[in-house]
Amino acid sequence: MMEDNGISVDKSGENSIDIKKIPITTNGFKWTFTSSLLYLLLHLLSFVMPSVMILTFFSFAMDSNLFHWRIVLFFIDILAWWGSYILLSLLLGKLCLIILKLIHKPKEGLFKIDRNDKDYFCFCLRVTVKKFIFLIWNNFCFPWVNNFAFKMCDINADFKSTMFDGWSDVEFIEYGNNIMIGQGAQIFSSTIVRIENIDYLLIKKVIIGDHVVLGANSIVSPGTIIGKGSTLGVWTVTYINQIIEPDWIYIGNPAQKYQPTQIAIEDSKKQPMRRLIDTGERIKFDINQFSNQKLN
């Protein structure tokens, strides 16, 4: 058992950490030589099918009798090559993840950030594959494709959720239905823990319930459980293993209760008011006056 500033950690990997004392950092992924080689190999293999299509149909496309038609259909050709590339990248990435899980099953815990640590080494390989997938699929023209990529990477996410503007770790995260991730919000299932000047990777599953809203630039730390219908305000930060109660609004760093969600809903239905700058007087503000106004 190691101890440092009140933090105790079992060498076996089971931890009894006072995790509220751990600062919010980032995950411990590193680009090892093996990770870089795997990343490059996946890209090269994904280009195989589009390259074969281009080389096979090149002479046919340049036939003088069909040349003008090929110019008209040029963008359709590009779409077919590009589509085959992104589909093959997903299939290869999924196959690689299956193989990696068969070699070493992913698990939560505290692992030394060292390539000789099998848990950490396999974590880096899995993240490499998922980074490869999301680098390609995040740049697709339809936002729901991002949710599809999450599903293929074994992360529960429905197609109604708005997840395109935030950033999320790529494993040990469970998303509920109809959630909204604000711009710049970040969800971490892993973070760096320093004990006796040695860096460890802490991996804890994050669970986000149905109808949850994560405000812009909010941070969800590893092990956080967010109850159904809750909201994290702008810049709100949860601490590790924090439990957010259902139907509450949380704000601050660390996240603290602000008010029940129902109160905010009721307040939104009240008569809107505005304050005059000169006198400080509060007067009613009819927002409906703009809905029927015709523009000249």
C-alpha atoms as a PDB file:
ATOM      1  CA  MET A   1       0.000   0.000   0.000  1.00  0.00           C
ATOM      2  CA  MET A   2       1.330   3.436  -1.008  1.00  0.00           C
ATOM      3  CA  GLU A   3       0.262   6.668   0.615  1.00  0.00           C
ATOM      4  CA  ASP A   4       0.754  10.240  -0.464  1.00  0.00           C
ATOM      5  CA  ASN A   5      -1.027  13.269   0.997  1.00  0.00           C
ATOM      6  CA  GLY A   6      -3.912  11.168   2.246  1.00  0.00           C
ATOM      7  CA  ILE A   7      -4.243   9.230  -0.984  1.00  0.00           C
ATOM      8  CA  SER A   8      -3.906   5.481  -0.607  1.00  0.00           C
ATOM      9  CA  VAL A   9      -3.539   3.065  -3.497  1.00  0.00           C
ATOM     10  CA  ASP A  10      -3.369  -0.701  -3.570  1.00  0.00           C
ATOM     11  CA  LYS A  11      -0.502  -2.056  -5.673  1.00  0.00           C
ATOM     12  CA  SER A  12      -2.813  -4.800  -6.896  1.00  0.00           C
ATOM     13  CA  GLY A  13      -4.763  -2.234  -8.870  1.00  0.00           C
ATOM     14  CA  GLU A  14      -7.730  -2.014  -6.507  1.00  0.00           C
ATOM     15  CA  ASN A  15      -7.734   1.513  -5.189  1.00  0.00           C
ATOM     16  CA  SER A  16      -9.045   3.169  -2.054  1.00  0.00           C
ATOM     17  CA  ILE A  17      -8.307   6.728  -3.082  1.00  0.00           C
ATOM     18  CA  ASP A  18      -9.778   9.842  -1.575  1.00  0.00           C
ATOM     19  CA  ILE A  19     -10.610  10.848  -5.131  1.00  0.00           C
ATOM     20  CA  LYS A  20     -12.039  14.247  -4.195  1.00  0.00           C
ATOM     21  CA  LYS A  21      -8.442  15.364  -3.611  1.00  0.00           C
ATOM     22  CA  ILE A  22      -7.318  14.433  -7.113  1.00  0.00           C
ATOM     23  CA  PRO A  23      -7.105  17.427  -9.488  1.00  0.00           C
ATOM     24  CA  ILE A  24      -8.821  17.386 -12.861  1.00  0.00           C
ATOM     25  CA  THR A  25      -6.223  16.686 -15.560  1.00  0.00           C
ATOM     26  CA  THR A  26      -6.474  14.774 -18.813  1.00  0.00           C
ATOM     27  CA  ASN A  27      -6.149  11.173 -19.899  1.00  0.00           C
ATOM     28  CA  GLY A  28      -2.806   9.371 -20.054  1.00  0.00           C
ATOM     29  CA  PHE A  29      -2.751   8.273 -23.678  1.00  0.00           C
ATOM     30  CA  LYS A  30       0.678   8.288 -25.349  1.00  0.00           C
ATOM     31  CA  TRP A  31       1.674   7.730 -28.958  1.00  0.00           C
ATOM     32  CA  THR A  32       3.999   4.757 -28.631  1.00  0.00           C
ATOM     33  CA  PHE A  33       5.805   3.292 -31.644  1.00  0.00           C
ATOM     34  CA  THR A  34       3.284   0.427 -31.775  1.00  0.00           C
ATOM     35  CA  SER A  35       0.356   2.868 -31.613  1.00  0.00           C
ATOM     36  CA  SER A  36       1.772   4.996 -34.427  1.00  0.00           C
ATOM     37  CA  LEU A  37       2.452   1.917 -36.559  1.00  0.00           C
ATOM     38  CA  LEU A  38      -1.088   0.612 -35.987  1.00  0.00           C
ATOM     39  CA  TYR A  39      -2.566   4.024 -36.829  1.00  0.00           C
ATOM     40  CA  LEU A  40      -0.599   4.236 -40.089  1.00  0.00           C
ATOM     41  CA  LEU A  41      -1.466   0.652 -41.029  1.00  0.00           C
ATOM     42  CA  LEU A  42      -5.202   1.256 -40.575  1.00  0.00           C
ATOM     43  CA  HIS A  43      -5.044   4.302 -42.846  1.00  0.00           C
ATOM     44  CA  LEU A  44      -3.116   2.430 -45.546  1.00  0.00           C
ATOM     45  CA  LEU A  45      -5.514  -0.525 -45.477  1.00  0.00           C
ATOM     46  CA  SER A  46      -8.498   1.820 -45.672  1.00  0.00           C
ATOM     47  CA  PHE A  47      -7.104   3.278 -48.898  1.00  0.00           C
ATOM     48  CA  VAL A  48      -6.867  -0.152 -50.553  1.00  0.00           C
ATOM     49  CA  MET A  49     -10.434  -0.353 -51.868  1.00  0.00           C
ATOM     50  CA  PRO A  50     -10.636   3.249 -53.212  1.00  0.00           C
ATOM     51  CA  SER A  51      -7.226   2.791 -54.865  1.00  0.00           C
ATOM     52  CA  VAL A  52      -8.340  -0.438 -56.543  1.00  0.00           C
ATOM     53  CA  MET A  53     -11.523   1.253 -57.777  1.00  0.00           C
ATOM     54  CA  ILE A  54      -9.585   4.170 -59.215  1.00  0.00           C
ATOM     55  CA  LEU A  55      -6.969   2.010 -60.949  1.00  0.00           C
ATOM     56  CA  THR A  56      -9.536  -0.479 -62.268  1.00  0.00           C
ATOM     57  CA  PHE A  57     -11.866   2.065 -63.807  1.00  0.00           C
ATOM     58  CA  PHE A  58      -9.288   4.602 -64.940  1.00  0.00           C
ATOM     59  CA  SER A  59      -8.936   3.307 -68.501  1.00  0.00           C
ATOM     60  CA  PHE A  60     -12.709   2.867 -68.777  1.00  0.00           C
ATOM     61  CA  ALA A  61     -13.318   6.398 -67.514  1.00  0.00           C
ATOM     62  CA  MET A  62     -10.895   7.876 -70.051  1.00  0.00           C
ATOM     63  CA  ASP A  63     -12.558   6.143 -73.025  1.00  0.00           C
ATOM     64  CA  SER A  64     -13.197   8.779 -75.682  1.00  0.00           C
ATOM     65  CA  ASN A  65     -16.817   7.709 -76.160  1.00  0.00           C
ATOM     66  CA  LEU A  66     -17.570   8.088 -72.463  1.00  0.00           C
ATOM     67  CA  PHE A  67     -15.221  10.923 -71.525  1.00  0.00           C
ATOM     68  CA  HIS A  68     -17.859  13.658 -71.459  1.00  0.00           C
ATOM     69  CA  TRP A  69     -20.152  11.501 -69.343  1.00  0.00           C
ATOM     70  CA  ARG A  70     -17.318  10.873 -66.893  1.00  0.00           C
ATOM     71  CA  ILE A  71     -16.854  14.618 -66.450  1.00  0.00           C
ATOM     72  CA  VAL A  72     -20.567  14.993 -65.638  1.00  0.00           C
ATOM     73  CA  LEU A  73     -20.369  12.098 -63.147  1.00  0.00           C
ATOM     74  CA  PHE A  74     -17.017  13.149 -61.688  1.00  0.00           C
ATOM     75  CA  PHE A  75     -18.420  14.121 -58.290  1.00  0.00           C
ATOM     76  CA  ILE A  76     -20.384  10.867 -58.064  1.00  0.00           C
ATOM     77  CA  ASP A  77     -17.102   9.010 -58.615  1.00  0.00           C
ATOM     78  CA  ILE A  78     -15.421  11.003 -55.843  1.00  0.00           C
ATOM     79  CA  LEU A  79     -18.347  10.269 -53.494  1.00  0.00           C
ATOM     80  CA  ALA A  80     -18.075   6.524 -54.214  1.00  0.00           C
ATOM     81  CA  TRP A  81     -14.328   6.473 -53.519  1.00  0.00           C
ATOM     82  CA  TRP A  82     -14.708   8.547 -50.366  1.00  0.00           C
ATOM     83  CA  GLY A  83     -17.656   6.445 -49.158  1.00  0.00           C
ATOM     84  CA  SER A  84     -15.736   3.203 -49.608  1.00  0.00           C
ATOM     85  CA  TYR A  85     -12.821   4.686 -47.657  1.00  0.00           C
ATOM     86  CA  ILE A  86     -14.860   5.734 -44.604  1.00  0.00           C
ATOM     87  CA  LEU A  87     -16.862   2.480 -44.539  1.00  0.00           C
ATOM     88  CA  LEU A  88     -13.721   0.378 -44.774  1.00  0.00           C
ATOM     89  CA  SER A  89     -12.076   2.456 -42.035  1.00  0.00           C
ATOM     90  CA  LEU A  90     -14.983   1.690 -39.700  1.00  0.00           C
ATOM     91  CA  LEU A  91     -14.984  -2.041 -40.491  1.00  0.00           C
ATOM     92  CA  LEU A  92     -11.217  -2.334 -40.034  1.00  0.00           C
ATOM     93  CA  GLY A  93     -11.326  -0.319 -36.816  1.00  0.00           C
ATOM     94  CA  LYS A  94     -14.138  -2.461 -35.411  1.00  0.00           C
ATOM     95  CA  LEU A  95     -12.290  -5.670 -36.342  1.00  0.00           C
ATOM     96  CA  CYS A  96      -9.131  -4.371 -34.681  1.00  0.00           C
ATOM     97  CA  LEU A  97     -11.047  -3.512 -31.485  1.00  0.00           C
ATOM     98  CA  ILE A  98     -12.531  -7.008 -31.347  1.00  0.00           C
ATOM     99  CA  ILE A  99      -9.061  -8.543 -31.662  1.00  0.00           C
ATOM    100  CA  LEU A 100      -7.618  -6.253 -28.979  1.00  0.00           C
ATOM    101  CA  LYS A 101     -10.442  -7.136 -26.568  1.00  0.00           C
ATOM    102  CA  LEU A 102      -9.852 -10.844 -27.150  1.00  0.00           C
ATOM    103  CA  ILE A 103      -6.149 -10.377 -26.417  1.00  0.00           C
ATOM    104  CA  HIS A 104      -6.740  -8.339 -23.256  1.00  0.00           C
ATOM    105  CA  LYS A 105     -10.121  -7.433 -21.781  1.00  0.00           C
ATOM    106  CA  PRO A 106     -10.553  -3.716 -20.945  1.00  0.00           C
ATOM    107  CA  LYS A 107     -11.104  -3.002 -17.267  1.00  0.00           C
ATOM    108  CA  GLU A 108     -11.445  -0.150 -14.816  1.00  0.00           C
ATOM    109  CA  GLY A 109      -8.809   0.551 -12.198  1.00  0.00           C
ATOM    110  CA  LEU A 110      -5.517   2.281 -11.515  1.00  0.00           C
ATOM    111  CA  PHE A 111      -2.647   1.447 -13.872  1.00  0.00           C
ATOM    112  CA  LYS A 112       0.924   2.634 -14.022  1.00  0.00           C
ATOM    113  CA  ILE A 113       1.660   4.806 -17.042  1.00  0.00           C
ATOM    114  CA  ASP A 114       4.314   2.530 -18.445  1.00  0.00           C
ATOM    115  CA  ARG A 115       4.370   0.678 -21.742  1.00  0.00           C
ATOM    116  CA  ASN A 116       5.428  -2.452 -19.810  1.00  0.00           C
ATOM    117  CA  ASP A 117       2.091  -2.373 -17.976  1.00  0.00           C
ATOM    118  CA  LYS A 118      -0.179  -4.568 -20.117  1.00  0.00           C
ATOM    119  CA  ASP A 119      -3.385  -2.782 -19.074  1.00  0.00           C
ATOM    120  CA  TYR A 120      -1.966   0.611 -19.960  1.00  0.00           C
ATOM    121  CA  PHE A 121      -0.348  -0.604 -23.195  1.00  0.00           C
ATOM    122  CA  CYS A 122      -3.617  -2.142 -24.440  1.00  0.00           C
ATOM    123  CA  PHE A 123      -5.496   1.000 -23.376  1.00  0.00           C
ATOM    124  CA  CYS A 124      -3.242   3.054 -25.673  1.00  0.00           C
ATOM    125  CA  LEU A 125      -3.829   0.645 -28.566  1.00  0.00           C
ATOM    126  CA  ARG A 126      -7.612   0.766 -28.129  1.00  0.00           C
ATOM    127  CA  VAL A 127      -7.584   4.555 -27.968  1.00  0.00           C
ATOM    128  CA  THR A 128      -5.391   4.649 -31.094  1.00  0.00           C
ATOM    129  CA  VAL A 129      -7.955   2.641 -33.059  1.00  0.00           C
ATOM    130  CA  LYS A 130     -10.856   4.768 -31.821  1.00  0.00           C
ATOM    131  CA  LYS A 131      -8.984   7.987 -32.576  1.00  0.00           C
ATOM    132  CA  PHE A 132      -8.498   6.662 -36.101  1.00  0.00           C
ATOM    133  CA  ILE A 133     -12.244   6.022 -36.457  1.00  0.00           C
ATOM    134  CA  PHE A 134     -13.395   9.327 -34.990  1.00  0.00           C
ATOM    135  CA  LEU A 135     -10.853  11.408 -36.906  1.00  0.00           C
ATOM    136  CA  ILE A 136     -12.576  10.257 -40.086  1.00  0.00           C
ATOM    137  CA  TRP A 137     -16.196  10.063 -38.942  1.00  0.00           C
ATOM    138  CA  ASN A 138     -16.238  13.352 -36.996  1.00  0.00           C
ATOM    139  CA  ASN A 139     -15.697  15.200 -40.285  1.00  0.00           C
ATOM    140  CA  PHE A 140     -18.709  13.655 -42.002  1.00  0.00           C
ATOM    141  CA  CYS A 141     -21.390  16.040 -43.259  1.00  0.00           C
ATOM    142  CA  PHE A 142     -24.175  14.617 -41.064  1.00  0.00           C
ATOM    143  CA  PRO A 143     -23.981  15.071 -37.246  1.00  0.00           C
ATOM    144  CA  TRP A 144     -25.811  11.788 -36.513  1.00  0.00           C
ATOM    145  CA  VAL A 145     -22.881   9.892 -38.032  1.00  0.00           C
ATOM    146  CA  ASN A 146     -20.892  10.791 -34.933  1.00  0.00           C
ATOM    147  CA  ASN A 147     -23.473   8.927 -32.815  1.00  0.00           C
ATOM    148  CA  PHE A 148     -23.254   5.921 -35.152  1.00  0.00           C
ATOM    149  CA  ALA A 149     -19.477   5.815 -34.655  1.00  0.00           C
ATOM    150  CA  PHE A 150     -20.028   5.826 -30.886  1.00  0.00           C
ATOM    151  CA  LYS A 151     -22.308   2.804 -31.220  1.00  0.00           C
ATOM    152  CA  MET A 152     -19.749   0.941 -33.321  1.00  0.00           C
ATOM    153  CA  CYS A 153     -17.155   1.615 -30.612  1.00  0.00           C
ATOM    154  CA  ASP A 154     -19.389   0.024 -27.956  1.00  0.00           C
ATOM    155  CA  ILE A 155     -20.524   3.330 -26.460  1.00  0.00           C
ATOM    156  CA  ASN A 156     -24.276   3.518 -25.946  1.00  0.00           C
ATOM    157  CA  ALA A 157     -25.621   6.642 -27.705  1.00  0.00           C
ATOM    158  CA  ASP A 158     -28.959   7.244 -29.437  1.00  0.00           C
ATOM    159  CA  PHE A 159     -29.414   9.198 -32.656  1.00  0.00           C
ATOM    160  CA  LYS A 160     -31.613  11.882 -31.047  1.00  0.00           C
ATOM    161  CA  SER A 161     -28.827  13.115 -28.785  1.00  0.00           C
ATOM    162  CA  THR A 162     -26.852  16.236 -29.698  1.00  0.00           C
ATOM    163  CA  MET A 163     -23.227  15.214 -29.190  1.00  0.00           C
ATOM    164  CA  PHE A 164     -21.441  16.844 -32.088  1.00  0.00           C
ATOM    165  CA  ASP A 165     -20.107  19.978 -30.352  1.00  0.00           C
ATOM    166  CA  GLY A 166     -18.457  18.364 -27.319  1.00  0.00           C
ATOM    167  CA  TRP A 167     -15.490  16.085 -26.711  1.00  0.00           C
ATOM    168  CA  SER A 168     -15.737  12.616 -25.223  1.00  0.00           C
ATOM    169  CA  ASP A 169     -13.439   9.805 -24.182  1.00  0.00           C
ATOM    170  CA  VAL A 170     -13.953   6.704 -26.270  1.00  0.00           C
ATOM    171  CA  GLU A 171     -14.553   3.936 -23.737  1.00  0.00           C
ATOM    172  CA  PHE A 172     -16.166   3.232 -20.352  1.00  0.00           C
ATOM    173  CA  ILE A 173     -18.903   5.787 -21.026  1.00  0.00           C
ATOM    174  CA  GLU A 174     -22.638   5.090 -21.091  1.00  0.00           C
ATOM    175  CA  TYR A 175     -24.916   7.741 -22.558  1.00  0.00           C
ATOM    176  CA  GLY A 176     -28.663   7.878 -21.978  1.00  0.00           C
ATOM    177  CA  ASN A 177     -31.340   8.890 -24.466  1.00  0.00           C
ATOM    178  CA  ASN A 178     -31.979  12.397 -25.732  1.00  0.00           C
ATOM    179  CA  ILE A 179     -29.003  14.112 -24.088  1.00  0.00           C
ATOM    180  CA  MET A 180     -27.366  17.367 -25.133  1.00  0.00           C
ATOM    181  CA  ILE A 181     -23.632  18.059 -24.904  1.00  0.00           C
ATOM    182  CA  GLY A 182     -22.892  21.783 -25.108  1.00  0.00           C
ATOM    183  CA  GLN A 183     -20.126  23.334 -27.133  1.00  0.00           C
ATOM    184  CA  GLY A 184     -16.719  22.601 -25.644  1.00  0.00           C
ATOM    185  CA  ALA A 185     -18.061  20.229 -22.967  1.00  0.00           C
ATOM    186  CA  GLN A 186     -15.705  17.357 -22.103  1.00  0.00           C
ATOM    187  CA  ILE A 187     -16.449  13.877 -20.750  1.00  0.00           C
ATOM    188  CA  PHE A 188     -13.494  11.976 -19.261  1.00  0.00           C
ATOM    189  CA  SER A 189     -13.516   8.328 -18.230  1.00  0.00           C
ATOM    190  CA  SER A 190      -9.780   8.400 -17.502  1.00  0.00           C
ATOM    191  CA  THR A 191      -7.364  10.810 -15.865  1.00  0.00           C
ATOM    192  CA  ILE A 192      -3.765  11.009 -14.652  1.00  0.00           C
ATOM    193  CA  VAL A 193      -3.087  10.506 -10.938  1.00  0.00           C
ATOM    194  CA  ARG A 194       0.378  11.282  -9.537  1.00  0.00           C
ATOM    195  CA  ILE A 195       1.407   9.322  -6.419  1.00  0.00           C
ATOM    196  CA  GLU A 196       4.937   9.495  -4.995  1.00  0.00           C
ATOM    197  CA  ASN A 197       6.072  11.195  -8.224  1.00  0.00           C
ATOM    198  CA  ILE A 198       4.809   8.269 -10.315  1.00  0.00           C
ATOM    199  CA  ASP A 199       2.034   8.786 -12.860  1.00  0.00           C
ATOM    200  CA  TYR A 200      -0.906   6.390 -12.887  1.00  0.00           C
ATOM    201  CA  LEU A 201      -3.898   6.149 -15.183  1.00  0.00           C
ATOM    202  CA  LEU A 202      -7.231   6.043 -13.354  1.00  0.00           C
ATOM    203  CA  ILE A 203     -10.090   4.574 -15.433  1.00  0.00           C
ATOM    204  CA  LYS A 204     -13.633   4.806 -14.045  1.00  0.00           C
ATOM    205  CA  LYS A 205     -16.886   4.366 -15.958  1.00  0.00           C
ATOM    206  CA  VAL A 206     -19.060   7.442 -16.554  1.00  0.00           C
ATOM    207  CA  ILE A 207     -22.845   7.071 -16.675  1.00  0.00           C
ATOM    208  CA  ILE A 208     -25.022   9.866 -18.037  1.00  0.00           C
ATOM    209  CA  GLY A 209     -28.780   9.411 -17.693  1.00  0.00           C
ATOM    210  CA  ASP A 210     -31.646  10.268 -20.032  1.00  0.00           C
ATOM    211  CA  HIS A 211     -32.492  13.898 -20.871  1.00  0.00           C
ATOM    212  CA  VAL A 212     -29.264  15.277 -19.377  1.00  0.00           C
ATOM    213  CA  VAL A 213     -27.865  18.637 -20.507  1.00  0.00           C
ATOM    214  CA  LEU A 214     -24.140  19.362 -20.207  1.00  0.00           C
ATOM    215  CA  GLY A 215     -23.518  23.108 -20.440  1.00  0.00           C
ATOM    216  CA  ALA A 216     -20.824  24.679 -22.600  1.00  0.00           C
ATOM    217  CA  ASN A 217     -17.249  24.001 -21.422  1.00  0.00           C
ATOM    218  CA  SER A 218     -18.423  21.795 -18.548  1.00  0.00           C
ATOM    219  CA  ILE A 219     -16.190  18.878 -17.489  1.00  0.00           C
ATOM    220  CA  VAL A 220     -17.397  15.432 -16.430  1.00  0.00           C
ATOM    221  CA  SER A 221     -14.705  13.558 -14.488  1.00  0.00           C
ATOM    222  CA  PRO A 222     -14.127   9.778 -14.372  1.00  0.00           C
ATOM    223  CA  GLY A 223     -16.618   7.806 -12.307  1.00  0.00           C
ATOM    224  CA  THR A 224     -19.308  10.502 -12.455  1.00  0.00           C
ATOM    225  CA  ILE A 225     -22.923   9.327 -12.464  1.00  0.00           C
ATOM    226  CA  ILE A 226     -25.433  11.919 -13.690  1.00  0.00           C
ATOM    227  CA  GLY A 227     -29.072  11.217 -12.909  1.00  0.00           C
ATOM    228  CA  LYS A 228     -31.958  11.522 -15.334  1.00  0.00           C
ATOM    229  CA  GLY A 229     -33.076  15.046 -16.220  1.00  0.00           C
ATOM    230  CA  SER A 230     -30.136  16.845 -14.590  1.00  0.00           C
ATOM    231  CA  THR A 231     -28.209  19.811 -15.977  1.00  0.00           C
ATOM    232  CA  LEU A 232     -24.605  20.933 -15.554  1.00  0.00           C
ATOM    233  CA  GLY A 233     -24.267  24.682 -15.931  1.00  0.00           C
ATOM    234  CA  VAL A 234     -21.659  26.460 -18.043  1.00  0.00           C
ATOM    235  CA  TRP A 235     -18.069  25.764 -16.845  1.00  0.00           C
ATOM    236  CA  THR A 236     -19.314  23.311 -14.207  1.00  0.00           C
ATOM    237  CA  VAL A 237     -16.782  20.619 -13.176  1.00  0.00           C
ATOM    238  CA  THR A 238     -17.659  17.359 -11.434  1.00  0.00           C
ATOM    239  CA  TYR A 239     -15.140  15.649  -9.160  1.00  0.00           C
ATOM    240  CA  ILE A 240     -14.164  12.007  -9.621  1.00  0.00           C
ATOM    241  CA  ASN A 241     -16.926   9.547  -8.678  1.00  0.00           C
ATOM    242  CA  GLN A 242     -19.406  12.353  -7.997  1.00  0.00           C
ATOM    243  CA  ILE A 243     -23.088  11.408  -8.081  1.00  0.00           C
ATOM    244  CA  ILE A 244     -25.357  14.050  -9.628  1.00  0.00           C
ATOM    245  CA  GLU A 245     -28.914  13.612  -8.364  1.00  0.00           C
ATOM    246  CA  PRO A 246     -31.751  13.364 -10.901  1.00  0.00           C
ATOM    247  CA  ASP A 247     -33.712  16.484 -11.893  1.00  0.00           C
ATOM    248  CA  TRP A 248     -31.277  18.995 -10.402  1.00  0.00           C
ATOM    249  CA  ILE A 249     -29.217  21.843 -11.843  1.00  0.00           C
ATOM    250  CA  TYR A 250     -25.575  21.858 -10.725  1.00  0.00           C
ATOM    251  CA  ILE A 251     -23.107  24.719 -11.094  1.00  0.00           C
ATOM    252  CA  GLY A 252     -19.583  25.578  -9.994  1.00  0.00           C
ATOM    253  CA  ASN A 253     -16.214  23.885  -9.538  1.00  0.00           C
ATOM    254  CA  PRO A 254     -16.673  21.429  -7.966  1.00  0.00           C
ATOM    255  CA  ALA A 255     -20.287  20.946  -9.056  1.00  0.00           C
ATOM    256  CA  GLN A 256     -22.825  21.873  -6.378  1.00  0.00           C
ATOM    257  CA  LYS A 257     -26.606  21.883  -6.278  1.00  0.00           C
ATOM    258  CA  TYR A 258     -28.176  25.105  -7.535  1.00  0.00           C
ATOM    259  CA  GLN A 259     -31.899  24.438  -7.851  1.00  0.00           C
ATOM    260  CA  PRO A 260     -34.318  21.682  -8.931  1.00  0.00           C
ATOM    261  CA  THR A 261     -34.932  21.473 -12.663  1.00  0.00           C
ATOM    262  CA  GLN A 262     -38.675  21.901 -12.136  1.00  0.00           C
ATOM    263  CA  ILE A 263     -38.183  25.372 -10.624  1.00  0.00           C
ATOM    264  CA  ALA A 264     -36.253  26.474 -13.706  1.00  0.00           C
ATOM    265  CA  ILE A 265     -39.047  25.129 -15.920  1.00  0.00           C
ATOM    266  CA  GLU A 266     -41.676  27.041 -13.937  1.00  0.00           C
ATOM    267  CA  ASP A 267     -39.618  30.247 -14.016  1.00  0.00           C
ATOM    268  CA  SER A 268     -39.366  30.011 -17.799  1.00  0.00           C
ATOM    269  CA  LYS A 269     -43.154  30.132 -18.014  1.00  0.00           C
ATOM    270  CA  LYS A 270     -43.460  33.355 -16.009  1.00  0.00           C
ATOM    271  CA  GLN A 271     -43.998  36.791 -17.509  1.00  0.00           C
ATOM    272  CA  PRO A 272     -40.665  38.016 -18.979  1.00  0.00           C
ATOM    273  CA  MET A 273     -39.453  41.274 -17.440  1.00  0.00           C
ATOM    274  CA  ARG A 274     -36.868  43.859 -18.430  1.00  0.00           C
ATOM    275  CA  ARG A 275     -35.172  46.618 -16.444  1.00  0.00           C
ATOM    276  CA  LEU A 276     -34.865  50.226 -17.649  1.00  0.00           C
ATOM    277  CA  ILE A 277     -31.250  51.368 -17.347  1.00  0.00           C
ATOM    278  CA  ASP A 278     -32.018  54.986 -16.449  1.00  0.00           C
ATOM    279  CA  THR A 279     -34.592  54.411 -13.698  1.00  0.00           C
ATOM    280  CA  GLY A 280     -34.046  50.785 -12.718  1.00  0.00           C
ATOM    281  CA  GLU A 281     -37.772  50.187 -13.154  1.00  0.00           C
ATOM    282  CA  ARG A 282     -38.865  46.640 -14.064  1.00  0.00           C
ATOM    283  CA  ILE A 283     -41.532  46.437 -16.760  1.00  0.00           C
ATOM    284  CA  LYS A 284     -43.228  43.595 -18.565  1.00  0.00           C
ATOM    285  CA  PHE A 285     -41.659  42.494 -21.820  1.00  0.00           C
ATOM    286  CA  ASP A 286     -43.948  41.009 -24.444  1.00  0.00           C
ATOM    287  CA  ILE A 287     -41.822  38.692 -26.562  1.00  0.00           C
ATOM    288  CA  ASN A 288     -44.846  37.744 -28.655  1.00  0.00           C
ATOM    289  CA  GLN A 289     -44.889  41.189 -30.232  1.00  0.00           C
ATOM    290  CA  PHE A 290     -42.073  40.102 -32.524  1.00  0.00           C
ATOM    291  CA  SER A 291     -43.649  36.833 -33.668  1.00  0.00           C
ATOM    292  CA  ASN A 292     -46.434  38.488 -35.681  1.00  0.00           C
ATOM    293  CA  GLN A 293     -44.409  41.442 -36.898  1.00  0.00           C
ATOM    294  CA  LYS A 294     -44.011  41.615 -40.650  1.00  0.00           C
ATOM    295  CA  LEU A 295     -40.671  42.618 -42.088  1.00  0.00           C
ATOM    296  CA  ASN A 296     -40.698  45.394 -44.629  1.00  0.00           C
END
